[in-house]
């Protein structure tokens, strides 16, 4: 199984492409939907695109919004403060809307707990690339 057949590698490329394009679509939607993370979907899209679609990968790398995000991530797992604040604000707005509009069942508390965990992880990332000595 060390040498996959061309059929299998073609299937893998198709599946990676489906994942990449789906994540790009969700990432674009997430730009306008509060609480839906954009960054994570674009990172997954870029990862899948490098395995399936050089064209999509190049588009993401050269995109005026997504390109710097991907560059920062690949060079030190950096999330700029502006992105952290934006993510925190959008999750907070989403949590408040959910709190006042949804019944207080397990899924509400689970969703808010997930947002808190993601927010803690986001704020644990560096804000700028650390220069090598």
N, C-alpha and C. Protein backbone atom coordinates (compact mmCIF):
# COMPACT_ATOMS: atom_id res chain seq x y z
N UNK A 1 0.80 -1.20 0.00
CA UNK A 1 0.00 0.00 0.00
C UNK A 1 0.85 1.27 0.00
N UNK A 2 2.16 1.10 -0.10
CA UNK A 2 3.02 2.27 -0.13
C UNK A 2 2.86 3.07 -1.41
N UNK A 3 2.52 2.40 -2.50
CA UNK A 3 2.39 3.06 -3.79
C UNK A 3 0.92 3.05 -4.22
N UNK A 4 0.17 4.14 -3.94
CA UNK A 4 -1.24 4.13 -4.29
C UNK A 4 -1.44 4.08 -5.80
N UNK A 5 -2.52 3.45 -6.20
CA UNK A 5 -2.83 3.37 -7.62
C UNK A 5 -3.25 4.74 -8.13
N UNK A 6 -3.10 4.99 -9.44
CA UNK A 6 -3.54 6.28 -9.99
C UNK A 6 -5.02 6.55 -9.71
N UNK A 7 -5.83 5.49 -9.74
CA UNK A 7 -7.26 5.64 -9.46
C UNK A 7 -7.46 6.18 -8.04
N UNK A 8 -6.76 5.61 -7.09
CA UNK A 8 -6.89 6.04 -5.70
C UNK A 8 -6.41 7.48 -5.53
N UNK A 9 -5.29 7.84 -6.14
CA UNK A 9 -4.79 9.20 -5.98
C UNK A 9 -5.74 10.21 -6.65
N UNK A 10 -6.35 9.80 -7.75
CA UNK A 10 -7.34 10.68 -8.40
C UNK A 10 -8.54 10.86 -7.48
N UNK A 11 -8.99 9.78 -6.86
CA UNK A 11 -10.11 9.87 -5.91
C UNK A 11 -9.74 10.78 -4.74
N UNK A 12 -8.53 10.62 -4.24
CA UNK A 12 -8.08 11.47 -3.12
C UNK A 12 -8.08 12.94 -3.53
N UNK A 13 -7.57 13.23 -4.74
CA UNK A 13 -7.56 14.63 -5.21
C UNK A 13 -8.97 15.18 -5.32
N UNK A 14 -9.89 14.38 -5.81
CA UNK A 14 -11.29 14.83 -5.92
C UNK A 14 -11.87 15.10 -4.54
N UNK A 15 -11.62 14.23 -3.59
CA UNK A 15 -12.14 14.44 -2.23
C UNK A 15 -11.51 15.66 -1.58
N UNK A 16 -10.21 15.85 -1.76
CA UNK A 16 -9.56 17.06 -1.23
C UNK A 16 -10.12 18.31 -1.90
N UNK A 17 -10.39 18.23 -3.19
CA UNK A 17 -10.95 19.39 -3.91
C UNK A 17 -12.35 19.72 -3.39
N UNK A 18 -13.16 18.70 -3.16
CA UNK A 18 -14.50 18.93 -2.61
C UNK A 18 -14.39 19.60 -1.25
N UNK A 19 -13.49 19.09 -0.42
CA UNK A 19 -13.29 19.69 0.90
C UNK A 19 -12.81 21.14 0.77
N UNK A 20 -11.85 21.38 -0.12
CA UNK A 20 -11.30 22.73 -0.29
C UNK A 20 -12.37 23.72 -0.74
N UNK A 21 -13.10 23.39 -1.79
CA UNK A 21 -14.12 24.31 -2.30
C UNK A 21 -15.26 24.50 -1.31
N UNK A 22 -15.63 23.45 -0.59
CA UNK A 22 -16.67 23.57 0.43
C UNK A 22 -16.22 24.51 1.54
N UNK A 23 -14.98 24.36 1.98
CA UNK A 23 -14.47 25.23 3.04
C UNK A 23 -14.34 26.68 2.58
N UNK A 24 -13.96 26.89 1.32
CA UNK A 24 -13.91 28.26 0.80
C UNK A 24 -15.31 28.86 0.81
N UNK A 25 -16.29 28.10 0.37
CA UNK A 25 -17.67 28.60 0.34
C UNK A 25 -18.15 28.95 1.75
N UNK A 26 -17.90 28.05 2.70
CA UNK A 26 -18.31 28.32 4.08
C UNK A 26 -17.53 29.51 4.64
N UNK A 27 -16.25 29.60 4.32
CA UNK A 27 -15.45 30.74 4.78
C UNK A 27 -15.96 32.06 4.24
N UNK A 28 -16.37 32.07 2.99
CA UNK A 28 -16.93 33.30 2.41
C UNK A 28 -18.25 33.66 3.06
N UNK A 29 -19.08 32.67 3.32
CA UNK A 29 -20.35 32.92 4.02
C UNK A 29 -20.07 33.42 5.43
N UNK A 30 -19.04 32.85 6.06
CA UNK A 30 -18.72 33.21 7.44
C UNK A 30 -18.28 34.66 7.60
N UNK A 31 -17.85 35.28 6.51
CA UNK A 31 -17.46 36.69 6.59
C UNK A 31 -18.64 37.54 7.04
N UNK A 32 -19.86 37.17 6.64
CA UNK A 32 -21.02 37.98 6.97
C UNK A 32 -21.91 37.38 8.04
N UNK A 33 -21.65 36.14 8.47
CA UNK A 33 -22.46 35.49 9.50
C UNK A 33 -21.71 35.52 10.83
N UNK A 34 -22.22 36.29 11.79
CA UNK A 34 -21.54 36.37 13.08
C UNK A 34 -21.48 35.00 13.76
N UNK A 35 -20.35 34.70 14.38
CA UNK A 35 -20.21 33.45 15.12
C UNK A 35 -19.66 32.29 14.30
N UNK A 36 -19.72 32.41 12.99
CA UNK A 36 -19.18 31.36 12.12
C UNK A 36 -17.75 31.73 11.78
N UNK A 37 -16.78 30.88 12.14
CA UNK A 37 -15.38 31.25 11.96
C UNK A 37 -14.95 31.22 10.49
N UNK A 38 -14.29 32.26 10.05
CA UNK A 38 -13.78 32.33 8.69
C UNK A 38 -12.39 31.71 8.61
N UNK A 39 -11.53 32.08 9.53
CA UNK A 39 -10.12 31.70 9.48
C UNK A 39 -9.94 30.19 9.41
N UNK A 40 -10.62 29.46 10.26
CA UNK A 40 -10.44 28.01 10.31
C UNK A 40 -10.83 27.36 8.98
N UNK A 41 -11.91 27.83 8.38
CA UNK A 41 -12.35 27.24 7.11
C UNK A 41 -11.36 27.56 5.99
N UNK A 42 -10.81 28.75 6.00
CA UNK A 42 -9.84 29.12 4.97
C UNK A 42 -8.54 28.34 5.15
N UNK A 43 -8.12 28.11 6.39
CA UNK A 43 -6.93 27.31 6.64
C UNK A 43 -7.11 25.87 6.15
N UNK A 44 -8.27 25.29 6.43
CA UNK A 44 -8.55 23.93 5.95
C UNK A 44 -8.62 23.92 4.42
N UNK A 45 -9.25 24.94 3.85
CA UNK A 45 -9.34 25.04 2.38
C UNK A 45 -7.95 25.10 1.76
N UNK A 46 -7.07 25.90 2.34
CA UNK A 46 -5.70 26.01 1.80
C UNK A 46 -4.96 24.69 1.91
N UNK A 47 -5.12 24.01 3.03
CA UNK A 47 -4.47 22.71 3.22
C UNK A 47 -4.97 21.71 2.18
N UNK A 48 -6.29 21.64 2.00
CA UNK A 48 -6.86 20.70 1.03
C UNK A 48 -6.52 21.10 -0.41
N UNK A 49 -6.47 22.39 -0.68
CA UNK A 49 -6.18 22.87 -2.04
C UNK A 49 -4.75 22.52 -2.44
N UNK A 50 -3.81 22.53 -1.50
CA UNK A 50 -2.43 22.16 -1.85
C UNK A 50 -2.34 20.70 -2.27
N UNK A 51 -3.32 19.90 -1.89
CA UNK A 51 -3.33 18.49 -2.23
C UNK A 51 -4.22 18.16 -3.43
N UNK A 52 -4.91 19.19 -3.95
CA UNK A 52 -5.88 18.88 -5.01
C UNK A 52 -5.92 19.87 -6.16
N UNK A 53 -5.78 21.16 -5.87
CA UNK A 53 -6.02 22.16 -6.89
C UNK A 53 -4.98 23.28 -6.83
N UNK A 54 -3.95 23.19 -7.67
CA UNK A 54 -2.95 24.28 -7.68
C UNK A 54 -3.58 25.64 -7.99
N UNK A 55 -4.62 25.63 -8.81
CA UNK A 55 -5.29 26.89 -9.16
C UNK A 55 -5.96 27.53 -7.93
N UNK A 56 -6.73 26.74 -7.18
CA UNK A 56 -7.38 27.25 -5.97
C UNK A 56 -6.33 27.64 -4.94
N UNK A 57 -5.29 26.83 -4.80
CA UNK A 57 -4.22 27.14 -3.84
C UNK A 57 -3.58 28.48 -4.17
N UNK A 58 -3.28 28.71 -5.45
CA UNK A 58 -2.68 29.99 -5.87
C UNK A 58 -3.64 31.14 -5.63
N UNK A 59 -4.93 30.93 -5.90
CA UNK A 59 -5.92 31.98 -5.69
C UNK A 59 -5.97 32.37 -4.22
N UNK A 60 -5.97 31.38 -3.33
CA UNK A 60 -6.00 31.66 -1.89
C UNK A 60 -4.73 32.39 -1.45
N UNK A 61 -3.58 31.91 -1.93
CA UNK A 61 -2.30 32.51 -1.55
C UNK A 61 -2.19 33.97 -2.01
N UNK A 62 -2.79 34.29 -3.14
CA UNK A 62 -2.68 35.65 -3.69
C UNK A 62 -3.89 36.53 -3.39
N UNK A 63 -4.85 36.00 -2.67
CA UNK A 63 -6.05 36.78 -2.33
C UNK A 63 -5.67 37.91 -1.38
N UNK A 64 -6.28 39.09 -1.57
CA UNK A 64 -5.88 40.25 -0.76
C UNK A 64 -6.25 40.09 0.72
N UNK A 65 -7.28 39.32 1.04
CA UNK A 65 -7.66 39.09 2.44
C UNK A 65 -7.07 37.79 2.96
N UNK A 66 -7.23 36.71 2.20
CA UNK A 66 -6.81 35.40 2.68
C UNK A 66 -5.31 35.16 2.56
N UNK A 67 -4.66 35.78 1.59
CA UNK A 67 -3.23 35.59 1.39
C UNK A 67 -2.39 35.93 2.61
N UNK A 68 -2.54 37.14 3.18
CA UNK A 68 -1.76 37.47 4.38
C UNK A 68 -2.08 36.55 5.56
N UNK A 69 -3.33 36.16 5.71
CA UNK A 69 -3.73 35.26 6.77
C UNK A 69 -2.98 33.93 6.64
N UNK A 70 -2.94 33.38 5.42
CA UNK A 70 -2.24 32.12 5.19
C UNK A 70 -0.74 32.27 5.39
N UNK A 71 -0.19 33.38 4.91
CA UNK A 71 1.24 33.63 5.09
C UNK A 71 1.59 33.70 6.58
N UNK A 72 0.80 34.43 7.34
CA UNK A 72 1.04 34.54 8.78
C UNK A 72 0.95 33.18 9.46
N UNK A 73 -0.04 32.39 9.07
CA UNK A 73 -0.23 31.08 9.71
C UNK A 73 0.95 30.16 9.40
N UNK A 74 1.40 30.17 8.16
CA UNK A 74 2.50 29.28 7.76
C UNK A 74 3.84 29.73 8.32
N UNK A 75 3.95 30.97 8.72
CA UNK A 75 5.21 31.50 9.25
C UNK A 75 5.09 31.81 10.74
N UNK A 76 4.72 30.82 11.51
CA UNK A 76 4.70 30.98 12.96
C UNK A 76 3.35 30.85 13.61
N UNK A 77 2.36 30.35 12.88
CA UNK A 77 1.01 30.17 13.46
C UNK A 77 0.50 31.47 14.07
N UNK A 78 0.70 32.55 13.33
CA UNK A 78 0.38 33.90 13.81
C UNK A 78 -1.07 34.25 13.49
N UNK A 79 -1.74 34.83 14.49
CA UNK A 79 -3.07 35.41 14.30
C UNK A 79 -2.98 36.86 14.77
N UNK A 80 -3.12 37.82 13.85
CA UNK A 80 -3.00 39.23 14.23
C UNK A 80 -4.06 39.65 15.26
N UNK A 81 -3.71 40.64 16.07
CA UNK A 81 -4.62 41.11 17.13
C UNK A 81 -5.98 41.53 16.55
N UNK A 82 -5.97 42.19 15.39
CA UNK A 82 -7.23 42.62 14.78
C UNK A 82 -8.13 41.41 14.50
N UNK A 83 -7.56 40.32 14.03
CA UNK A 83 -8.34 39.11 13.76
C UNK A 83 -8.84 38.49 15.07
N UNK A 84 -8.01 38.54 16.10
CA UNK A 84 -8.42 38.01 17.40
C UNK A 84 -9.60 38.81 17.96
N UNK A 85 -9.49 40.14 17.88
CA UNK A 85 -10.57 40.98 18.38
C UNK A 85 -11.85 40.77 17.58
N UNK A 86 -11.71 40.65 16.27
CA UNK A 86 -12.88 40.43 15.41
C UNK A 86 -13.54 39.09 15.73
N UNK A 87 -12.74 38.06 15.91
CA UNK A 87 -13.29 36.74 16.25
C UNK A 87 -13.98 36.77 17.60
N UNK A 88 -13.35 37.41 18.58
CA UNK A 88 -13.93 37.50 19.92
C UNK A 88 -15.25 38.26 19.89
N UNK A 89 -15.28 39.39 19.19
CA UNK A 89 -16.50 40.18 19.10
C UNK A 89 -17.61 39.40 18.40
N UNK A 90 -17.29 38.73 17.30
CA UNK A 90 -18.33 38.01 16.58
C UNK A 90 -18.85 36.84 17.41
N UNK A 91 -17.97 36.15 18.15
CA UNK A 91 -18.44 35.06 19.01
C UNK A 91 -19.29 35.60 20.16
N UNK A 92 -18.91 36.74 20.69
CA UNK A 92 -19.68 37.34 21.78
C UNK A 92 -21.07 37.73 21.29
N UNK A 93 -21.15 38.38 20.14
CA UNK A 93 -22.45 38.75 19.57
C UNK A 93 -23.30 37.50 19.34
N UNK A 94 -22.69 36.49 18.78
CA UNK A 94 -23.41 35.24 18.52
C UNK A 94 -23.91 34.62 19.82
N UNK A 95 -23.07 34.58 20.84
CA UNK A 95 -23.46 33.99 22.12
C UNK A 95 -24.62 34.77 22.75
N UNK A 96 -24.56 36.10 22.69
CA UNK A 96 -25.65 36.91 23.26
C UNK A 96 -26.95 36.68 22.50
N UNK A 97 -26.88 36.66 21.18
CA UNK A 97 -28.09 36.42 20.37
C UNK A 97 -28.66 35.04 20.70
N UNK A 98 -27.80 34.04 20.78
CA UNK A 98 -28.26 32.69 21.10
C UNK A 98 -28.88 32.64 22.50
N UNK A 99 -28.25 33.32 23.45
CA UNK A 99 -28.73 33.31 24.83
C UNK A 99 -30.16 33.86 24.94
N UNK A 100 -30.43 34.92 24.17
CA UNK A 100 -31.74 35.56 24.26
C UNK A 100 -32.78 34.99 23.30
N UNK A 101 -32.38 34.15 22.35
CA UNK A 101 -33.35 33.65 21.37
C UNK A 101 -33.57 32.15 21.41
N UNK A 102 -32.67 31.41 22.00
CA UNK A 102 -32.82 29.95 22.02
C UNK A 102 -33.18 29.47 23.42
N UNK A 103 -33.89 28.36 23.49
CA UNK A 103 -34.14 27.79 24.82
C UNK A 103 -32.82 27.34 25.45
N UNK A 104 -32.74 27.43 26.74
CA UNK A 104 -31.49 27.10 27.43
C UNK A 104 -31.38 25.59 27.64
N UNK A 105 -31.00 24.91 26.57
CA UNK A 105 -30.79 23.47 26.61
C UNK A 105 -29.31 23.18 26.45
N UNK A 106 -28.97 21.90 26.46
CA UNK A 106 -27.57 21.47 26.41
C UNK A 106 -26.85 22.01 25.18
N UNK A 107 -27.52 22.11 24.03
CA UNK A 107 -26.81 22.57 22.83
C UNK A 107 -26.42 24.03 22.93
N UNK A 108 -27.18 24.85 23.63
CA UNK A 108 -26.81 26.26 23.81
C UNK A 108 -25.54 26.35 24.66
N UNK A 109 -25.52 25.64 25.77
CA UNK A 109 -24.35 25.67 26.64
C UNK A 109 -23.13 25.05 25.96
N UNK A 110 -23.35 24.01 25.18
CA UNK A 110 -22.25 23.39 24.44
C UNK A 110 -21.67 24.36 23.41
N UNK A 111 -22.56 25.05 22.68
CA UNK A 111 -22.10 26.02 21.66
C UNK A 111 -21.30 27.14 22.30
N UNK A 112 -21.79 27.67 23.41
CA UNK A 112 -21.08 28.75 24.09
C UNK A 112 -19.75 28.25 24.66
N UNK A 113 -19.74 27.04 25.21
CA UNK A 113 -18.49 26.47 25.72
C UNK A 113 -17.48 26.29 24.60
N UNK A 114 -17.94 25.85 23.44
CA UNK A 114 -17.04 25.70 22.28
C UNK A 114 -16.47 27.04 21.86
N UNK A 115 -17.31 28.08 21.84
CA UNK A 115 -16.82 29.41 21.48
C UNK A 115 -15.77 29.89 22.48
N UNK A 116 -15.99 29.63 23.76
CA UNK A 116 -15.01 30.02 24.78
C UNK A 116 -13.69 29.30 24.56
N UNK A 117 -13.76 27.99 24.29
CA UNK A 117 -12.53 27.22 24.07
C UNK A 117 -11.78 27.70 22.82
N UNK A 118 -12.50 27.94 21.74
CA UNK A 118 -11.87 28.44 20.51
C UNK A 118 -11.25 29.81 20.77
N UNK A 119 -11.95 30.65 21.50
CA UNK A 119 -11.44 31.98 21.80
C UNK A 119 -10.16 31.90 22.64
N UNK A 120 -10.13 31.01 23.61
CA UNK A 120 -8.91 30.83 24.42
C UNK A 120 -7.76 30.37 23.54
N UNK A 121 -8.03 29.45 22.63
CA UNK A 121 -6.98 28.97 21.73
C UNK A 121 -6.49 30.10 20.82
N UNK A 122 -7.42 30.88 20.26
CA UNK A 122 -7.05 31.99 19.39
C UNK A 122 -6.12 32.96 20.12
N UNK A 123 -6.46 33.30 21.36
CA UNK A 123 -5.65 34.26 22.10
C UNK A 123 -4.33 33.67 22.58
N UNK A 124 -4.17 32.34 22.49
CA UNK A 124 -2.90 31.73 22.86
C UNK A 124 -1.88 31.77 21.71
N UNK A 125 -2.32 32.12 20.51
CA UNK A 125 -1.44 32.19 19.34
C UNK A 125 -0.67 33.50 19.35
N UNK A 126 0.55 33.49 18.80
CA UNK A 126 1.31 34.75 18.71
C UNK A 126 0.64 35.74 17.77
N UNK A 127 0.95 37.03 17.96
CA UNK A 127 0.35 38.08 17.15
C UNK A 127 1.26 38.58 16.02
N UNK A 128 2.52 38.20 16.08
CA UNK A 128 3.45 38.59 15.02
C UNK A 128 4.52 37.53 14.89
N UNK A 129 5.11 37.48 13.72
CA UNK A 129 6.18 36.51 13.46
C UNK A 129 7.39 36.88 14.30
N UNK A 130 7.92 35.91 15.01
CA UNK A 130 9.11 36.14 15.83
C UNK A 130 10.33 36.03 14.92
N UNK A 131 11.16 37.05 14.93
CA UNK A 131 12.35 37.07 14.07
C UNK A 131 13.37 36.05 14.57
N UNK A 132 14.00 35.37 13.63
CA UNK A 132 15.05 34.41 14.00
C UNK A 132 16.33 35.16 14.34
N UNK A 133 17.07 34.63 15.30
CA UNK A 133 18.32 35.28 15.71
C UNK A 133 19.42 35.07 14.71
